[in-house]
N, C-alpha and C. Protein backbone atom coordinates (compact mmCIF):
# COMPACT_ATOMS: atom_id res chain seq x y z
N LYS A 1 0.92 -1.17 -0.27
CA LYS A 1 -0.38 0.12 0.28
C LYS A 1 0.99 1.30 0.45
N ILE A 2 0.56 2.28 0.03
CA ILE A 2 1.04 3.53 0.08
C ILE A 2 0.73 4.73 1.15
N GLN A 3 1.92 5.43 1.18
CA GLN A 3 1.80 5.51 2.79
C GLN A 3 0.26 7.05 2.74
N THR A 4 -0.58 7.48 1.07
CA THR A 4 -2.38 7.72 1.80
C THR A 4 -3.33 7.28 1.98
N ASN A 5 -3.39 5.57 1.70
CA ASN A 5 -3.96 4.78 2.08
C ASN A 5 -3.54 3.97 3.38
N ARG A 6 -2.57 4.32 3.63
CA ARG A 6 -2.05 3.35 4.88
C ARG A 6 -3.15 2.91 6.72
N MET A 7 -4.34 4.72 6.58
CA MET A 7 -5.21 4.33 7.79
C MET A 7 -6.03 2.70 7.59
N GLU A 8 -6.33 2.90 5.89
CA GLU A 8 -7.19 2.35 4.99
C GLU A 8 -7.11 -0.06 6.77
N GLU A 9 -5.82 -0.19 6.67
CA GLU A 9 -5.63 -1.53 7.52
C GLU A 9 -4.46 -1.12 8.00
N THR A 10 -3.19 -0.26 8.11
CA THR A 10 -1.80 -0.62 9.08
C THR A 10 -2.32 0.95 10.14
N PRO A 11 -2.05 0.95 11.28
CA PRO A 11 -2.06 2.10 12.25
C PRO A 11 -1.23 3.22 10.80
N PRO A 12 -1.29 4.09 11.67
CA PRO A 12 -1.23 5.37 11.33
C PRO A 12 0.20 5.85 12.51
N MET A 13 1.01 4.79 11.70
CA MET A 13 2.84 4.72 12.32
C MET A 13 3.61 5.92 11.65
N ASP A 14 3.01 5.98 10.82
CA ASP A 14 4.63 7.65 10.43
C ASP A 14 4.46 7.99 11.29
N LEU A 15 3.99 9.34 11.74
CA LEU A 15 4.64 9.50 12.74
C LEU A 15 4.22 10.12 14.29
N THR A 16 3.98 9.07 14.57
CA THR A 16 3.47 8.51 16.32
C THR A 16 5.06 8.34 16.91
């Protein structure tokens, strides 16, 4: 997946 639709299946761990 891409960073744009990561909240779809994966948790938002990009800035957390």
